[in-house]
Every structure is written in C-alpha cells, then in structure tokens.
Amino acid sequence: MDVSDLRKGILRALDEARRDASTRRAAVDEAREAFTEFLQATAVPLLRQTVTVLRAEGERYSVQTPADSVRLASDAAPETFLELVLDTSGDAPQVTGRLSVTRGRHGQVLEEVPIAGGKPVADLDEGDLAGYVLAAIPKLVLKR
C-alpha cells in the first residue's frame, strides 16, 4: 500500500472518530439534562408516593437523593435499596434501575435493569418508571 493512501485512510479514520466522540458527548449531555428533569418531575415524586404506601403497610423505607440519582432505601438495612441512575457506558445513554437486596447468609444480590430499554431518556414517563417499581418492590420487600 502506498504511504500516502495509508496516511489518508488514517486521517479519515481519526476525523471520523473525533466526530463520533463529539456526537456522543452531545448525546450524553442531552441525556443528563433529561435525566435531571426526569428525577425532579417524575422519579422523586413517584418514589415518595411508594414510600407512603410501604409505610402504610408497615415497611420502613425512605427516599434518598444523592447526586444524580434517587434511591428508595430500607431504614433497617441501608444496603437494601432500589436506585435509579443514568448509565452512559453503552452505545446510548439510558436510565438503569439498580436493586440491591441483602439476604442474611446469602449475601447481597445486585440486579441492574434498564428502565424501558431502548427508549430515549427524554421520552421516559411515569408509566415506564411505575412498571419497573411495581416489578421490583416484591423483590425488595419480601424476605426469601
């Protein structure tokens, strides 16, 4: 292969990689803004309502809002929680639900599931989150 052709190919590949990285950074920035809005407008209020229902049933849970996430945590076992975070490690940013449950001698079980996988962060709604919460609550609360 001619050196000039190789050079052109390398420069083209580098330019394309820079454009892809720039596009990815922009998508992640947009997803972060959408996630912040989703947390404030949807996730925190829904998890607070969940806590109200759980407390009425005798379960001791509270809502915590660490930076860039929201967590529904057991008051009795802080390592037992449901948490929503923005996962930017894949091809497209997505909201991920983390479920951490401590089960006595069996140790800690950690489960990570995308909330409405494939759906852009800006398009997530209360129904998407409620579906995840309703599926996760029995795993979180019931002792096995």
C-alpha atoms as a PDB file:
ATOM      1  CA  MET A   1       0.000   0.000   0.000  1.00  0.00           C
ATOM      2  CA  ASP A   2       1.226   3.430  -0.856  1.00  0.00           C
ATOM      3  CA  VAL A   3       2.201   5.531   2.175  1.00  0.00           C
ATOM      4  CA  SER A   4       0.079   8.472   1.027  1.00  0.00           C
ATOM      5  CA  ASP A   5      -3.028   6.224   0.754  1.00  0.00           C
ATOM      6  CA  LEU A   6      -2.336   4.815   4.209  1.00  0.00           C
ATOM      7  CA  ARG A   7      -1.921   8.318   5.619  1.00  0.00           C
ATOM      8  CA  LYS A   8      -5.214   9.480   4.061  1.00  0.00           C
ATOM      9  CA  GLY A   9      -7.003   6.430   5.441  1.00  0.00           C
ATOM     10  CA  ILE A  10      -5.617   7.008   8.937  1.00  0.00           C
ATOM     11  CA  LEU A  11      -6.511  10.710   8.873  1.00  0.00           C
ATOM     12  CA  ARG A  12     -10.041   9.886   7.654  1.00  0.00           C
ATOM     13  CA  ALA A  13     -10.466   7.292  10.445  1.00  0.00           C
ATOM     14  CA  LEU A  14      -9.223   9.768  13.077  1.00  0.00           C
ATOM     15  CA  ASP A  15     -11.536  12.508  11.800  1.00  0.00           C
ATOM     16  CA  GLU A  16     -14.498  10.126  11.882  1.00  0.00           C
ATOM     17  CA  ALA A  17     -13.627   9.024  15.426  1.00  0.00           C
ATOM     18  CA  ARG A  18     -13.456  12.659  16.569  1.00  0.00           C
ATOM     19  CA  ARG A  19     -16.873  13.383  15.040  1.00  0.00           C
ATOM     20  CA  ASP A  20     -18.340  10.273  16.692  1.00  0.00           C
ATOM     21  CA  ALA A  21     -16.879  11.270  20.070  1.00  0.00           C
ATOM     22  CA  SER A  22     -18.279  14.786  19.712  1.00  0.00           C
ATOM     23  CA  THR A  23     -21.717  13.434  18.802  1.00  0.00           C
ATOM     24  CA  ARG A  24     -21.602  11.022  21.757  1.00  0.00           C
ATOM     25  CA  ARG A  25     -20.652  13.805  24.190  1.00  0.00           C
ATOM     26  CA  ALA A  26     -23.584  15.879  22.948  1.00  0.00           C
ATOM     27  CA  ALA A  27     -25.972  12.915  23.349  1.00  0.00           C
ATOM     28  CA  VAL A  28     -24.701  12.254  26.893  1.00  0.00           C
ATOM     29  CA  ASP A  29     -25.104  15.940  27.805  1.00  0.00           C
ATOM     30  CA  GLU A  30     -28.678  15.931  26.500  1.00  0.00           C
ATOM     31  CA  ALA A  31     -29.423  12.705  28.379  1.00  0.00           C
ATOM     32  CA  ARG A  32     -28.028  14.168  31.618  1.00  0.00           C
ATOM     33  CA  GLU A  33     -30.299  17.194  31.309  1.00  0.00           C
ATOM     34  CA  ALA A  34     -33.302  14.998  30.535  1.00  0.00           C
ATOM     35  CA  PHE A  35     -32.424  12.679  33.441  1.00  0.00           C
ATOM     36  CA  THR A  36     -32.183  15.588  35.877  1.00  0.00           C
ATOM     37  CA  GLU A  37     -35.641  16.733  34.778  1.00  0.00           C
ATOM     38  CA  PHE A  38     -36.959  13.142  34.977  1.00  0.00           C
ATOM     39  CA  LEU A  39     -35.630  12.819  38.533  1.00  0.00           C
ATOM     40  CA  GLN A  40     -37.215  16.051  39.718  1.00  0.00           C
ATOM     41  CA  ALA A  41     -40.544  15.815  37.912  1.00  0.00           C
ATOM     42  CA  THR A  42     -41.210  12.078  37.909  1.00  0.00           C
ATOM     43  CA  ALA A  43     -38.875   9.761  39.821  1.00  0.00           C
ATOM     44  CA  VAL A  44     -38.612  11.509  43.181  1.00  0.00           C
ATOM     45  CA  PRO A  45     -42.375  12.162  43.484  1.00  0.00           C
ATOM     46  CA  LEU A  46     -43.233   8.582  42.447  1.00  0.00           C
ATOM     47  CA  LEU A  47     -40.764   7.066  44.900  1.00  0.00           C
ATOM     48  CA  ARG A  48     -42.086   9.319  47.676  1.00  0.00           C
ATOM     49  CA  GLN A  49     -45.586   8.021  46.936  1.00  0.00           C
ATOM     50  CA  THR A  50     -44.160   4.493  47.035  1.00  0.00           C
ATOM     51  CA  VAL A  51     -42.683   5.171  50.482  1.00  0.00           C
ATOM     52  CA  THR A  52     -46.063   6.399  51.697  1.00  0.00           C
ATOM     53  CA  VAL A  53     -47.719   3.167  50.561  1.00  0.00           C
ATOM     54  CA  LEU A  54     -44.943   0.991  52.009  1.00  0.00           C
ATOM     55  CA  ARG A  55     -45.078   2.762  55.386  1.00  0.00           C
ATOM     56  CA  ALA A  56     -48.844   2.292  55.477  1.00  0.00           C
ATOM     57  CA  GLU A  57     -48.114  -1.433  55.104  1.00  0.00           C
ATOM     58  CA  GLY A  58     -45.611  -1.379  57.977  1.00  0.00           C
ATOM     59  CA  GLU A  59     -42.442  -1.316  55.859  1.00  0.00           C
ATOM     60  CA  ARG A  60     -39.707   1.145  56.821  1.00  0.00           C
ATOM     61  CA  TYR A  61     -38.263   2.793  53.718  1.00  0.00           C
ATOM     62  CA  SER A  62     -37.191   6.306  52.824  1.00  0.00           C
ATOM     63  CA  VAL A  63     -36.242   8.259  49.708  1.00  0.00           C
ATOM     64  CA  GLN A  64     -32.683   9.496  49.379  1.00  0.00           C
ATOM     65  CA  THR A  65     -31.469  11.836  46.671  1.00  0.00           C
ATOM     66  CA  PRO A  66     -27.707  11.513  46.303  1.00  0.00           C
ATOM     67  CA  ALA A  67     -26.134  13.434  43.437  1.00  0.00           C
ATOM     68  CA  ASP A  68     -27.503  12.430  40.032  1.00  0.00           C
ATOM     69  CA  SER A  69     -29.716   9.602  41.313  1.00  0.00           C
ATOM     70  CA  VAL A  70     -32.637   8.733  43.549  1.00  0.00           C
ATOM     71  CA  ARG A  71     -32.791   5.833  45.967  1.00  0.00           C
ATOM     72  CA  LEU A  72     -35.566   4.041  47.821  1.00  0.00           C
ATOM     73  CA  ALA A  73     -33.685   2.571  50.789  1.00  0.00           C
ATOM     74  CA  SER A  74     -34.624   0.337  53.673  1.00  0.00           C
ATOM     75  CA  ASP A  75     -34.347   2.093  57.021  1.00  0.00           C
ATOM     76  CA  ALA A  76     -33.445  -1.241  58.660  1.00  0.00           C
ATOM     77  CA  ALA A  77     -30.782  -2.340  56.132  1.00  0.00           C
ATOM     78  CA  PRO A  78     -29.195   0.526  54.164  1.00  0.00           C
ATOM     79  CA  GLU A  79     -27.638  -1.910  51.676  1.00  0.00           C
ATOM     80  CA  THR A  80     -31.159  -2.914  50.631  1.00  0.00           C
ATOM     81  CA  PHE A  81     -32.318  -0.346  48.094  1.00  0.00           C
ATOM     82  CA  LEU A  82     -33.772   0.455  44.691  1.00  0.00           C
ATOM     83  CA  GLU A  83     -31.837   3.157  42.851  1.00  0.00           C
ATOM     84  CA  LEU A  84     -32.234   4.957  39.539  1.00  0.00           C
ATOM     85  CA  VAL A  85     -29.106   6.135  37.743  1.00  0.00           C
ATOM     86  CA  LEU A  86     -28.118   7.336  34.287  1.00  0.00           C
ATOM     87  CA  ASP A  87     -25.932   4.753  32.570  1.00  0.00           C
ATOM     88  CA  THR A  88     -23.716   6.317  29.921  1.00  0.00           C
ATOM     89  CA  SER A  89     -21.437   3.322  29.406  1.00  0.00           C
ATOM     90  CA  GLY A  90     -23.339   1.791  26.462  1.00  0.00           C
ATOM     91  CA  ASP A  91     -23.962   2.965  22.932  1.00  0.00           C
ATOM     92  CA  ALA A  92     -26.842   5.207  24.014  1.00  0.00           C
ATOM     93  CA  PRO A  93     -27.410   6.688  27.478  1.00  0.00           C
ATOM     94  CA  GLN A  94     -30.238   5.023  29.390  1.00  0.00           C
ATOM     95  CA  VAL A  95     -31.833   5.068  32.804  1.00  0.00           C
ATOM     96  CA  THR A  96     -30.970   1.965  34.801  1.00  0.00           C
ATOM     97  CA  GLY A  97     -32.672   0.606  37.880  1.00  0.00           C
ATOM     98  CA  ARG A  98     -30.371  -0.975  40.448  1.00  0.00           C
ATOM     99  CA  LEU A  99     -31.843  -3.297  43.005  1.00  0.00           C
ATOM    100  CA  SER A 100     -29.648  -4.305  45.936  1.00  0.00           C
ATOM    101  CA  VAL A 101     -31.027  -6.761  48.455  1.00  0.00           C
ATOM    102  CA  THR A 102     -29.269  -8.261  51.455  1.00  0.00           C
ATOM    103  CA  ARG A 103     -30.494 -11.728  52.336  1.00  0.00           C
ATOM    104  CA  GLY A 104     -28.873 -12.864  55.588  1.00  0.00           C
ATOM    105  CA  ARG A 105     -26.258 -15.543  54.989  1.00  0.00           C
ATOM    106  CA  HIS A 106     -26.871 -15.483  51.253  1.00  0.00           C
ATOM    107  CA  GLY A 107     -25.156 -12.116  50.954  1.00  0.00           C
ATOM    108  CA  GLN A 108     -26.094  -9.275  48.702  1.00  0.00           C
ATOM    109  CA  VAL A 109     -27.977  -9.659  45.437  1.00  0.00           C
ATOM    110  CA  LEU A 110     -27.498  -6.871  42.905  1.00  0.00           C
ATOM    111  CA  GLU A 111     -29.661  -6.544  39.818  1.00  0.00           C
ATOM    112  CA  GLU A 112     -29.365  -3.864  37.136  1.00  0.00           C
ATOM    113  CA  VAL A 113     -32.163  -3.435  34.622  1.00  0.00           C
ATOM    114  CA  PRO A 114     -32.690  -0.717  32.006  1.00  0.00           C
ATOM    115  CA  ILE A 115     -35.898   1.242  32.540  1.00  0.00           C
ATOM    116  CA  ALA A 116     -37.772   0.994  29.221  1.00  0.00           C
ATOM    117  CA  GLY A 117     -34.646  -0.206  27.405  1.00  0.00           C
ATOM    118  CA  GLY A 118     -34.043   1.454  24.070  1.00  0.00           C
ATOM    119  CA  LYS A 119     -36.263   4.423  24.880  1.00  0.00           C
ATOM    120  CA  PRO A 120     -34.507   7.827  24.933  1.00  0.00           C
ATOM    121  CA  VAL A 121     -34.160   9.333  28.397  1.00  0.00           C
ATOM    122  CA  ALA A 122     -36.199  12.380  27.380  1.00  0.00           C
ATOM    123  CA  ASP A 123     -39.132  10.116  26.433  1.00  0.00           C
ATOM    124  CA  LEU A 124     -39.377   8.236  29.738  1.00  0.00           C
ATOM    125  CA  ASP A 125     -42.586   8.797  31.628  1.00  0.00           C
ATOM    126  CA  GLU A 126     -44.277   7.866  34.882  1.00  0.00           C
ATOM    127  CA  GLY A 127     -45.704   4.683  33.363  1.00  0.00           C
ATOM    128  CA  ASP A 128     -42.234   3.394  32.452  1.00  0.00           C
ATOM    129  CA  LEU A 129     -40.969   4.004  35.960  1.00  0.00           C
ATOM    130  CA  ALA A 130     -44.100   2.641  37.649  1.00  0.00           C
ATOM    131  CA  GLY A 131     -43.761  -0.597  35.686  1.00  0.00           C
ATOM    132  CA  TYR A 132     -40.213  -1.050  36.943  1.00  0.00           C
ATOM    133  CA  VAL A 133     -41.087  -0.129  40.535  1.00  0.00           C
ATOM    134  CA  LEU A 134     -44.074  -2.488  40.627  1.00  0.00           C
ATOM    135  CA  ALA A 135     -41.876  -5.352  39.400  1.00  0.00           C
ATOM    136  CA  ALA A 136     -39.019  -4.535  41.805  1.00  0.00           C
ATOM    137  CA  ILE A 137     -40.921  -3.857  45.055  1.00  0.00           C
ATOM    138  CA  PRO A 138     -41.727  -7.509  45.833  1.00  0.00           C
ATOM    139  CA  LYS A 139     -38.041  -8.427  45.386  1.00  0.00           C
ATOM    140  CA  LEU A 140     -37.035  -5.526  47.610  1.00  0.00           C
ATOM    141  CA  VAL A 141     -39.536  -6.040  50.417  1.00  0.00           C
ATOM    142  CA  LEU A 142     -40.265  -9.752  50.651  1.00  0.00           C
ATOM    143  CA  LYS A 143     -37.758 -11.834  52.595  1.00  0.00           C
ATOM    144  CA  ARG A 144     -36.814 -15.032  50.812  1.00  0.00           C
END
